[in-house]
N, C-alpha and C. Protein backbone atom coordinates (compact mmCIF):
# COMPACT_ATOMS: atom_id res chain seq x y z
N MET A 1 87.10 33.14 116.58
CA MET A 1 86.03 33.38 115.63
C MET A 1 86.58 33.94 114.32
N HIS A 2 87.56 34.81 114.40
CA HIS A 2 88.16 35.38 113.19
C HIS A 2 88.76 34.28 112.31
N TYR A 3 89.33 33.26 112.95
CA TYR A 3 89.93 32.15 112.23
C TYR A 3 88.89 31.43 111.38
N LEU A 4 87.70 31.23 111.91
CA LEU A 4 86.64 30.57 111.16
C LEU A 4 86.25 31.37 109.93
N GLY A 5 86.22 32.68 110.06
CA GLY A 5 85.91 33.54 108.91
C GLY A 5 86.96 33.40 107.83
N ASP A 6 88.23 33.31 108.24
CA ASP A 6 89.31 33.13 107.27
C ASP A 6 89.18 31.79 106.56
N MET A 7 88.81 30.75 107.30
CA MET A 7 88.64 29.43 106.69
C MET A 7 87.50 29.45 105.68
N ALA A 8 86.42 30.14 106.01
CA ALA A 8 85.29 30.23 105.08
C ALA A 8 85.70 30.97 103.81
N THR A 9 86.45 32.05 103.97
CA THR A 9 86.93 32.80 102.82
C THR A 9 87.85 31.94 101.97
N GLN A 10 88.72 31.17 102.62
CA GLN A 10 89.62 30.28 101.89
C GLN A 10 88.84 29.22 101.12
N ALA A 11 87.81 28.68 101.71
CA ALA A 11 86.99 27.67 101.03
C ALA A 11 86.32 28.28 99.81
N ARG A 12 85.77 29.46 99.96
CA ARG A 12 85.12 30.14 98.84
C ARG A 12 86.14 30.41 97.73
N ASP A 13 87.32 30.91 98.12
CA ASP A 13 88.37 31.20 97.14
C ASP A 13 88.81 29.93 96.40
N ARG A 14 88.93 28.82 97.13
CA ARG A 14 89.32 27.56 96.49
C ARG A 14 88.25 27.09 95.50
N LEU A 15 87.00 27.25 95.88
CA LEU A 15 85.90 26.91 94.98
C LEU A 15 85.94 27.76 93.71
N VAL A 16 86.11 29.04 93.90
CA VAL A 16 86.14 29.96 92.75
C VAL A 16 87.32 29.64 91.84
N ARG A 17 88.50 29.45 92.42
CA ARG A 17 89.68 29.13 91.59
C ARG A 17 89.48 27.82 90.82
N ALA A 18 88.98 26.81 91.50
CA ALA A 18 88.74 25.53 90.83
C ALA A 18 87.70 25.68 89.72
N ALA A 19 86.63 26.39 90.00
CA ALA A 19 85.57 26.59 88.99
C ALA A 19 86.09 27.38 87.81
N GLU A 20 86.85 28.43 88.07
CA GLU A 20 87.41 29.22 86.96
C GLU A 20 88.23 28.35 86.02
N GLU A 21 89.11 27.57 86.60
CA GLU A 21 89.97 26.71 85.79
C GLU A 21 89.19 25.63 85.05
N LEU A 22 88.33 24.92 85.78
CA LEU A 22 87.59 23.82 85.16
C LEU A 22 86.56 24.28 84.15
N PHE A 23 85.81 25.33 84.47
CA PHE A 23 84.80 25.82 83.53
C PHE A 23 85.47 26.30 82.24
N TYR A 24 86.60 26.99 82.37
CA TYR A 24 87.27 27.53 81.18
C TYR A 24 87.91 26.42 80.36
N SER A 25 88.53 25.45 81.01
CA SER A 25 89.25 24.42 80.27
C SER A 25 88.34 23.30 79.76
N GLU A 26 87.25 23.00 80.50
CA GLU A 26 86.43 21.85 80.14
C GLU A 26 84.99 22.19 79.79
N GLY A 27 84.52 23.35 80.21
CA GLY A 27 83.15 23.76 79.94
C GLY A 27 82.30 23.69 81.19
N ILE A 28 81.30 24.53 81.22
CA ILE A 28 80.44 24.65 82.40
C ILE A 28 79.61 23.38 82.60
N ARG A 29 78.99 22.90 81.54
CA ARG A 29 78.14 21.72 81.66
C ARG A 29 78.93 20.46 81.99
N ALA A 30 80.16 20.38 81.52
CA ALA A 30 80.97 19.18 81.71
C ALA A 30 81.44 19.00 83.15
N VAL A 31 81.39 20.07 83.93
CA VAL A 31 81.91 20.04 85.30
C VAL A 31 80.75 20.08 86.28
N GLY A 32 80.60 19.00 87.01
CA GLY A 32 79.54 18.93 88.01
C GLY A 32 80.00 19.38 89.38
N VAL A 33 79.06 19.47 90.29
CA VAL A 33 79.37 19.90 91.65
C VAL A 33 80.36 18.94 92.31
N GLU A 34 80.19 17.64 92.10
CA GLU A 34 81.11 16.67 92.72
C GLU A 34 82.55 16.93 92.28
N ARG A 35 82.73 17.21 91.01
CA ARG A 35 84.08 17.50 90.49
C ARG A 35 84.63 18.76 91.11
N LEU A 36 83.79 19.79 91.24
CA LEU A 36 84.22 21.03 91.87
C LEU A 36 84.64 20.81 93.32
N LEU A 37 83.86 20.01 94.03
CA LEU A 37 84.18 19.71 95.43
C LEU A 37 85.52 18.98 95.52
N SER A 38 85.71 18.02 94.65
CA SER A 38 86.94 17.24 94.66
C SER A 38 88.15 18.11 94.29
N ALA A 39 88.01 18.92 93.25
CA ALA A 39 89.13 19.75 92.80
C ALA A 39 89.48 20.85 93.80
N SER A 40 88.49 21.36 94.50
CA SER A 40 88.72 22.47 95.43
C SER A 40 89.05 22.00 96.84
N GLY A 41 88.69 20.74 97.14
CA GLY A 41 88.88 20.24 98.50
C GLY A 41 87.89 20.82 99.49
N VAL A 42 86.77 21.32 98.99
CA VAL A 42 85.74 21.94 99.82
C VAL A 42 84.58 20.96 99.95
N GLY A 43 83.98 20.92 101.11
CA GLY A 43 82.84 20.03 101.35
C GLY A 43 81.55 20.59 100.78
N ARG A 44 80.59 19.71 100.61
CA ARG A 44 79.28 20.08 100.05
C ARG A 44 78.60 21.18 100.88
N ALA A 45 78.63 21.04 102.20
CA ALA A 45 77.97 22.05 103.05
C ALA A 45 78.62 23.41 102.86
N SER A 46 79.93 23.43 102.75
CA SER A 46 80.64 24.69 102.53
C SER A 46 80.29 25.29 101.17
N PHE A 47 80.19 24.43 100.15
CA PHE A 47 79.80 24.89 98.82
C PHE A 47 78.47 25.64 98.91
N TYR A 48 77.48 25.00 99.53
CA TYR A 48 76.14 25.59 99.58
C TYR A 48 76.04 26.74 100.59
N ARG A 49 77.01 26.87 101.45
CA ARG A 49 77.07 28.04 102.33
C ARG A 49 77.46 29.28 101.51
N HIS A 50 78.27 29.08 100.50
CA HIS A 50 78.77 30.19 99.69
C HIS A 50 77.96 30.44 98.42
N PHE A 51 77.39 29.38 97.86
CA PHE A 51 76.65 29.48 96.60
C PHE A 51 75.36 28.67 96.72
N SER A 52 74.27 29.27 96.32
CA SER A 52 72.98 28.59 96.44
C SER A 52 72.85 27.43 95.46
N SER A 53 73.64 27.48 94.38
CA SER A 53 73.57 26.44 93.36
C SER A 53 74.80 26.54 92.47
N LYS A 54 74.97 25.57 91.60
CA LYS A 54 76.05 25.65 90.62
C LYS A 54 75.83 26.87 89.72
N ASP A 55 74.57 27.15 89.38
CA ASP A 55 74.28 28.32 88.54
C ASP A 55 74.75 29.61 89.20
N ASP A 56 74.58 29.71 90.51
CA ASP A 56 75.04 30.87 91.26
C ASP A 56 76.56 30.99 91.15
N LEU A 57 77.26 29.89 91.26
CA LEU A 57 78.72 29.88 91.11
C LEU A 57 79.10 30.28 89.68
N VAL A 58 78.39 29.77 88.69
CA VAL A 58 78.67 30.11 87.29
C VAL A 58 78.57 31.62 87.08
N VAL A 59 77.53 32.23 87.61
CA VAL A 59 77.35 33.68 87.47
C VAL A 59 78.54 34.42 88.10
N THR A 60 78.96 33.98 89.28
CA THR A 60 80.11 34.60 89.94
C THR A 60 81.36 34.48 89.08
N ILE A 61 81.58 33.31 88.50
CA ILE A 61 82.76 33.06 87.68
C ILE A 61 82.72 33.92 86.42
N VAL A 62 81.59 33.93 85.74
CA VAL A 62 81.47 34.69 84.48
C VAL A 62 81.63 36.19 84.75
N ARG A 63 81.04 36.68 85.82
CA ARG A 63 81.17 38.10 86.17
C ARG A 63 82.64 38.44 86.45
N GLY A 64 83.30 37.61 87.22
CA GLY A 64 84.71 37.84 87.54
C GLY A 64 85.59 37.79 86.31
N TYR A 65 85.31 36.85 85.42
CA TYR A 65 86.07 36.77 84.18
C TYR A 65 85.93 38.07 83.38
N GLY A 66 84.73 38.55 83.25
CA GLY A 66 84.50 39.77 82.48
C GLY A 66 85.25 40.95 83.06
N THR A 67 85.23 41.09 84.36
CA THR A 67 85.93 42.19 85.01
C THR A 67 87.44 42.09 84.77
N ARG A 68 87.98 40.89 84.95
CA ARG A 68 89.42 40.71 84.77
C ARG A 68 89.84 40.88 83.31
N TRP A 69 89.02 40.38 82.37
CA TRP A 69 89.38 40.47 80.96
C TRP A 69 89.40 41.92 80.49
N LYS A 70 88.41 42.68 80.89
CA LYS A 70 88.36 44.09 80.51
C LYS A 70 89.57 44.83 81.09
N GLN A 71 89.92 44.55 82.33
CA GLN A 71 91.08 45.19 82.95
C GLN A 71 92.37 44.75 82.25
N TRP A 72 92.45 43.47 81.91
CA TRP A 72 93.62 42.97 81.18
C TRP A 72 93.76 43.73 79.86
N MET A 73 92.67 43.86 79.12
CA MET A 73 92.71 44.55 77.84
C MET A 73 93.12 46.01 78.02
N ALA A 74 92.55 46.69 78.99
CA ALA A 74 92.91 48.09 79.24
C ALA A 74 94.39 48.22 79.58
N ASP A 75 94.91 47.33 80.41
CA ASP A 75 96.33 47.35 80.78
C ASP A 75 97.21 47.09 79.56
N GLU A 76 96.83 46.11 78.76
CA GLU A 76 97.61 45.77 77.56
C GLU A 76 97.62 46.93 76.56
N VAL A 77 96.48 47.54 76.34
CA VAL A 77 96.40 48.66 75.41
C VAL A 77 97.24 49.82 75.93
N ALA A 78 97.15 50.12 77.21
CA ALA A 78 97.95 51.21 77.80
C ALA A 78 99.44 50.91 77.66
N ALA A 79 99.84 49.68 77.90
CA ALA A 79 101.25 49.30 77.80
C ALA A 79 101.77 49.39 76.37
N ARG A 80 100.86 49.33 75.41
CA ARG A 80 101.23 49.39 73.99
C ARG A 80 101.02 50.78 73.40
N GLY A 81 100.86 51.77 74.25
CA GLY A 81 100.76 53.14 73.78
C GLY A 81 99.37 53.75 73.81
N GLY A 82 98.34 52.97 74.11
CA GLY A 82 97.01 53.51 74.29
C GLY A 82 96.20 53.76 73.02
N GLU A 83 96.71 53.37 71.89
CA GLU A 83 95.97 53.57 70.63
C GLU A 83 94.96 52.43 70.41
N PRO A 84 93.84 52.73 69.77
CA PRO A 84 92.81 51.70 69.58
C PRO A 84 93.29 50.43 68.89
N MET A 85 94.21 50.54 67.95
CA MET A 85 94.67 49.36 67.23
C MET A 85 95.45 48.40 68.11
N ALA A 86 95.91 48.86 69.26
CA ALA A 86 96.64 47.99 70.18
C ALA A 86 95.75 46.85 70.70
N VAL A 87 94.45 47.05 70.62
CA VAL A 87 93.50 46.02 71.04
C VAL A 87 93.79 44.71 70.30
N PHE A 88 94.06 44.81 69.02
CA PHE A 88 94.22 43.62 68.20
C PHE A 88 95.59 42.96 68.40
N ASP A 89 96.60 43.75 68.73
CA ASP A 89 97.90 43.18 69.08
C ASP A 89 97.80 42.39 70.39
N ALA A 90 97.10 42.95 71.37
CA ALA A 90 96.91 42.26 72.64
C ALA A 90 96.13 40.98 72.42
N LEU A 91 95.10 41.06 71.61
CA LEU A 91 94.26 39.90 71.31
C LEU A 91 95.08 38.80 70.65
N ALA A 92 95.94 39.17 69.70
CA ALA A 92 96.79 38.18 69.03
C ALA A 92 97.67 37.45 70.03
N ASP A 93 98.23 38.19 70.98
CA ASP A 93 99.06 37.55 72.00
C ASP A 93 98.24 36.59 72.85
N GLN A 94 97.04 36.99 73.20
CA GLN A 94 96.18 36.11 74.00
C GLN A 94 95.84 34.84 73.22
N HIS A 95 95.55 34.98 71.95
CA HIS A 95 95.19 33.83 71.13
C HIS A 95 96.35 32.86 70.96
N ALA A 96 97.57 33.34 71.06
CA ALA A 96 98.75 32.50 70.90
C ALA A 96 99.12 31.73 72.17
N ALA A 97 98.51 32.09 73.29
CA ALA A 97 98.84 31.44 74.57
C ALA A 97 98.35 29.98 74.56
N PRO A 98 99.16 29.07 75.07
CA PRO A 98 98.77 27.65 75.06
C PRO A 98 97.48 27.35 75.83
N GLU A 99 97.19 28.16 76.85
CA GLU A 99 95.98 27.92 77.66
C GLU A 99 94.73 28.57 77.07
N PHE A 100 94.85 29.22 75.92
CA PHE A 100 93.72 29.89 75.30
C PHE A 100 92.62 28.89 74.94
N ARG A 101 91.40 29.16 75.43
CA ARG A 101 90.23 28.32 75.16
C ARG A 101 89.05 29.17 74.72
N GLY A 102 89.34 30.34 74.17
CA GLY A 102 88.27 31.22 73.72
C GLY A 102 87.89 32.23 74.77
N CYS A 103 86.78 32.86 74.56
CA CYS A 103 86.25 33.87 75.47
C CYS A 103 85.29 33.20 76.45
N ALA A 104 85.57 33.32 77.72
CA ALA A 104 84.70 32.70 78.73
C ALA A 104 83.28 33.22 78.65
N SER A 105 83.10 34.48 78.28
CA SER A 105 81.74 35.02 78.16
C SER A 105 81.00 34.40 76.97
N ILE A 106 81.67 34.29 75.84
CA ILE A 106 81.04 33.63 74.68
C ILE A 106 80.75 32.17 75.02
N ASN A 107 81.72 31.51 75.64
CA ASN A 107 81.52 30.11 76.01
C ASN A 107 80.30 29.97 76.92
N ALA A 108 80.16 30.88 77.88
CA ALA A 108 79.02 30.82 78.80
C ALA A 108 77.71 31.07 78.06
N MET A 109 77.69 32.00 77.11
CA MET A 109 76.46 32.26 76.36
C MET A 109 76.07 31.06 75.51
N VAL A 110 77.05 30.35 74.99
CA VAL A 110 76.75 29.15 74.20
C VAL A 110 76.19 28.06 75.11
N GLU A 111 76.80 27.86 76.27
CA GLU A 111 76.35 26.79 77.17
C GLU A 111 75.04 27.14 77.87
N ALA A 112 74.84 28.40 78.16
CA ALA A 112 73.58 28.86 78.78
C ALA A 112 72.81 29.61 77.69
N ALA A 113 72.36 28.87 76.72
CA ALA A 113 71.80 29.47 75.51
C ALA A 113 70.54 30.29 75.73
N ASP A 114 69.82 30.04 76.81
CA ASP A 114 68.60 30.78 77.10
C ASP A 114 68.98 32.21 77.49
N PRO A 115 68.62 33.21 76.68
CA PRO A 115 68.98 34.59 76.99
C PRO A 115 68.44 35.09 78.33
N ALA A 116 67.44 34.40 78.86
CA ALA A 116 66.88 34.81 80.15
C ALA A 116 67.67 34.24 81.33
N SER A 117 68.57 33.30 81.08
CA SER A 117 69.33 32.71 82.18
C SER A 117 70.32 33.74 82.74
N ALA A 118 70.57 33.62 84.03
CA ALA A 118 71.47 34.59 84.70
C ALA A 118 72.86 34.56 84.10
N ALA A 119 73.38 33.37 83.81
CA ALA A 119 74.74 33.27 83.25
C ALA A 119 74.81 33.95 81.89
N HIS A 120 73.81 33.73 81.06
CA HIS A 120 73.78 34.35 79.73
C HIS A 120 73.72 35.88 79.86
N ARG A 121 72.87 36.36 80.75
CA ARG A 121 72.73 37.81 80.94
C ARG A 121 74.05 38.44 81.41
N VAL A 122 74.72 37.80 82.37
CA VAL A 122 75.98 38.34 82.88
C VAL A 122 77.04 38.32 81.78
N ALA A 123 77.09 37.25 81.00
CA ALA A 123 78.06 37.18 79.91
C ALA A 123 77.80 38.29 78.88
N ALA A 124 76.54 38.53 78.58
CA ALA A 124 76.19 39.61 77.64
C ALA A 124 76.55 40.97 78.24
N GLU A 125 76.34 41.14 79.54
CA GLU A 125 76.73 42.39 80.20
C GLU A 125 78.24 42.60 80.12
N ASN A 126 79.01 41.50 80.22
CA ASN A 126 80.46 41.61 80.09
C ASN A 126 80.84 42.23 78.75
N LYS A 127 80.13 41.84 77.72
CA LYS A 127 80.40 42.38 76.38
C LYS A 127 80.11 43.88 76.33
N VAL A 128 79.04 44.30 76.98
CA VAL A 128 78.70 45.73 77.01
C VAL A 128 79.79 46.52 77.73
N VAL A 129 80.33 45.96 78.79
CA VAL A 129 81.42 46.62 79.52
C VAL A 129 82.63 46.82 78.61
N VAL A 130 82.94 45.81 77.81
CA VAL A 130 84.07 45.94 76.87
C VAL A 130 83.74 46.96 75.80
N ILE A 131 82.52 46.95 75.29
CA ILE A 131 82.12 47.95 74.29
C ILE A 131 82.25 49.36 74.88
N ASP A 132 81.84 49.53 76.13
CA ASP A 132 81.98 50.83 76.78
C ASP A 132 83.45 51.25 76.85
N TYR A 133 84.33 50.30 77.18
CA TYR A 133 85.77 50.60 77.22
C TYR A 133 86.26 51.00 75.82
N LEU A 134 85.88 50.23 74.81
CA LEU A 134 86.30 50.54 73.44
C LEU A 134 85.77 51.91 73.00
N ASP A 135 84.54 52.20 73.41
CA ASP A 135 83.94 53.50 73.11
C ASP A 135 84.79 54.64 73.68
N GLU A 136 85.18 54.49 74.93
CA GLU A 136 86.02 55.52 75.57
C GLU A 136 87.37 55.63 74.85
N LEU A 137 87.94 54.51 74.50
CA LEU A 137 89.23 54.49 73.81
C LEU A 137 89.14 55.20 72.46
N LEU A 138 88.10 54.90 71.72
CA LEU A 138 87.91 55.51 70.39
C LEU A 138 87.52 56.97 70.49
N GLU A 139 86.75 57.34 71.50
CA GLU A 139 86.41 58.74 71.70
C GLU A 139 87.66 59.54 72.05
N SER A 140 88.50 58.98 72.92
CA SER A 140 89.76 59.65 73.29
C SER A 140 90.68 59.82 72.09
N ALA A 141 90.59 58.89 71.15
CA ALA A 141 91.42 58.98 69.94
C ALA A 141 90.84 59.98 68.93
N GLY A 142 89.66 60.55 69.25
CA GLY A 142 89.11 61.61 68.42
C GLY A 142 88.12 61.18 67.35
N TYR A 143 87.61 59.97 67.42
CA TYR A 143 86.67 59.50 66.41
C TYR A 143 85.27 59.98 66.72
N ARG A 144 84.61 60.55 65.71
CA ARG A 144 83.29 61.13 65.87
C ARG A 144 82.23 60.06 66.18
N GLU A 145 82.19 59.02 65.42
CA GLU A 145 81.19 57.95 65.59
C GLU A 145 81.79 56.82 66.45
N HIS A 146 82.31 57.19 67.60
CA HIS A 146 83.05 56.25 68.44
C HIS A 146 82.20 55.08 68.93
N ARG A 147 80.93 55.29 69.22
CA ARG A 147 80.11 54.18 69.72
C ARG A 147 79.89 53.14 68.63
N ALA A 148 79.59 53.60 67.44
CA ALA A 148 79.41 52.66 66.32
C ALA A 148 80.70 51.89 66.05
N LEU A 149 81.82 52.59 66.09
CA LEU A 149 83.12 51.92 65.90
C LEU A 149 83.38 50.90 67.02
N ALA A 150 83.01 51.26 68.23
CA ALA A 150 83.22 50.34 69.36
C ALA A 150 82.42 49.06 69.15
N GLU A 151 81.19 49.18 68.68
CA GLU A 151 80.36 48.00 68.39
C GLU A 151 81.01 47.15 67.29
N GLN A 152 81.55 47.82 66.27
CA GLN A 152 82.21 47.09 65.18
C GLN A 152 83.49 46.42 65.68
N PHE A 153 84.26 47.10 66.50
CA PHE A 153 85.45 46.49 67.09
C PHE A 153 85.07 45.25 67.90
N MET A 154 83.98 45.34 68.67
CA MET A 154 83.56 44.19 69.49
C MET A 154 83.22 43.01 68.59
N GLN A 155 82.56 43.27 67.48
CA GLN A 155 82.22 42.19 66.57
C GLN A 155 83.49 41.58 65.98
N LEU A 156 84.45 42.41 65.64
CA LEU A 156 85.72 41.90 65.12
C LEU A 156 86.47 41.09 66.19
N ILE A 157 86.46 41.58 67.41
CA ILE A 157 87.12 40.87 68.52
C ILE A 157 86.47 39.50 68.74
N ASP A 158 85.14 39.47 68.82
CA ASP A 158 84.45 38.20 69.03
C ASP A 158 84.68 37.24 67.87
N GLY A 159 84.60 37.75 66.65
CA GLY A 159 84.83 36.90 65.49
C GLY A 159 86.24 36.35 65.45
N ALA A 160 87.21 37.19 65.75
CA ALA A 160 88.61 36.75 65.78
C ALA A 160 88.83 35.71 66.86
N THR A 161 88.18 35.90 68.00
CA THR A 161 88.35 34.96 69.11
C THR A 161 87.79 33.59 68.77
N VAL A 162 86.62 33.54 68.18
CA VAL A 162 86.03 32.26 67.80
C VAL A 162 86.86 31.62 66.68
N THR A 163 87.31 32.40 65.72
CA THR A 163 88.11 31.86 64.62
C THR A 163 89.46 31.36 65.14
N ALA A 164 90.02 32.03 66.12
CA ALA A 164 91.30 31.59 66.69
C ALA A 164 91.17 30.21 67.34
N LEU A 165 90.01 29.88 67.85
CA LEU A 165 89.80 28.53 68.39
C LEU A 165 89.91 27.48 67.29
N ARG A 166 89.41 27.81 66.12
CA ARG A 166 89.46 26.88 64.99
C ARG A 166 90.87 26.80 64.40
N GLU A 167 91.49 27.95 64.22
CA GLU A 167 92.78 28.00 63.55
C GLU A 167 93.97 27.79 64.48
N ARG A 168 93.77 28.02 65.76
CA ARG A 168 94.85 27.91 66.75
C ARG A 168 96.07 28.74 66.36
N SER A 169 95.78 30.02 66.07
CA SER A 169 96.86 30.93 65.71
C SER A 169 96.47 32.36 66.05
N ARG A 170 97.42 33.25 65.91
CA ARG A 170 97.19 34.66 66.14
C ARG A 170 96.68 35.37 64.89
N GLU A 171 96.63 34.66 63.77
CA GLU A 171 96.23 35.26 62.50
C GLU A 171 94.82 35.87 62.51
N PRO A 172 93.83 35.25 63.14
CA PRO A 172 92.51 35.87 63.15
C PRO A 172 92.52 37.27 63.77
N ALA A 173 93.29 37.47 64.82
CA ALA A 173 93.37 38.81 65.43
C ALA A 173 94.10 39.78 64.50
N ARG A 174 95.11 39.28 63.80
CA ARG A 174 95.81 40.14 62.84
C ARG A 174 94.87 40.57 61.72
N ARG A 175 94.09 39.62 61.17
CA ARG A 175 93.14 39.95 60.11
C ARG A 175 92.04 40.89 60.62
N ALA A 176 91.57 40.65 61.84
CA ALA A 176 90.56 41.55 62.43
C ALA A 176 91.16 42.95 62.58
N GLY A 177 92.42 43.02 62.94
CA GLY A 177 93.10 44.32 63.04
C GLY A 177 93.16 45.04 61.69
N GLU A 178 93.38 44.28 60.62
CA GLU A 178 93.38 44.88 59.28
C GLU A 178 92.01 45.47 58.96
N MET A 179 90.96 44.75 59.32
CA MET A 179 89.60 45.26 59.08
C MET A 179 89.32 46.48 59.95
N ALA A 180 89.78 46.45 61.18
CA ALA A 180 89.60 47.60 62.07
C ALA A 180 90.33 48.82 61.52
N ARG A 181 91.52 48.61 60.97
CA ARG A 181 92.27 49.72 60.38
C ARG A 181 91.48 50.35 59.24
N LEU A 182 90.84 49.53 58.41
CA LEU A 182 90.01 50.05 57.32
C LEU A 182 88.85 50.88 57.87
N LEU A 183 88.23 50.39 58.94
CA LEU A 183 87.14 51.14 59.58
C LEU A 183 87.63 52.50 60.09
N LEU A 184 88.78 52.49 60.74
CA LEU A 184 89.31 53.75 61.28
C LEU A 184 89.73 54.71 60.17
N ASP A 185 90.31 54.17 59.11
CA ASP A 185 90.74 55.03 58.00
C ASP A 185 89.54 55.70 57.33
N ALA A 186 88.38 55.02 57.35
CA ALA A 186 87.18 55.58 56.73
C ALA A 186 86.38 56.46 57.69
N ALA A 187 86.71 56.43 58.96
CA ALA A 187 85.93 57.14 59.97
C ALA A 187 86.32 58.60 60.05
N ASP A 188 85.33 59.42 60.42
CA ASP A 188 85.58 60.84 60.61
C ASP A 188 86.15 61.08 62.00
N LYS A 189 87.09 62.02 62.03
CA LYS A 189 87.62 62.46 63.33
C LYS A 189 87.09 63.85 63.59
N ARG A 190 87.08 64.21 64.87
CA ARG A 190 86.61 65.55 65.25
C ARG A 190 87.60 66.60 64.82
């Protein structure tokens, strides 16, 4: 019986891995259930045993992406000394990666444009989690209006990410970093 549980977990993991890759590289709408089944090697019955619908799988993927991205950013910033400006250096490196296809949360919000949809809500929640992280980072650095700065940093991050898709370079993150530096230079510290 334990073996069957492991097989079910493996099927779910294969579905999630295939969906993560395909949704990020090709888009959520472009990838149907048949393609997911084929890419993952999982049968239809197994798919529906783990996910009630493709939308349910999308929510799982978007939530997981947000968790991993925030952790990636926190690790990158810590590895670069823990200062708020390190956010933009990490972002520039991400934008330069050949597999870069933008922000999965932004992509999901565009594809699930209805703000009431579960995928859109989860993607928006992912942004709040990052803002909370930025808020903590800026508060630790001693900035008085840390929440407002965190919101501004998020806007710069999102703008740089979308622009990097157009320009295919790390320059948008560098320019966003210059704007962030101006914000920090003008901000009051405790």
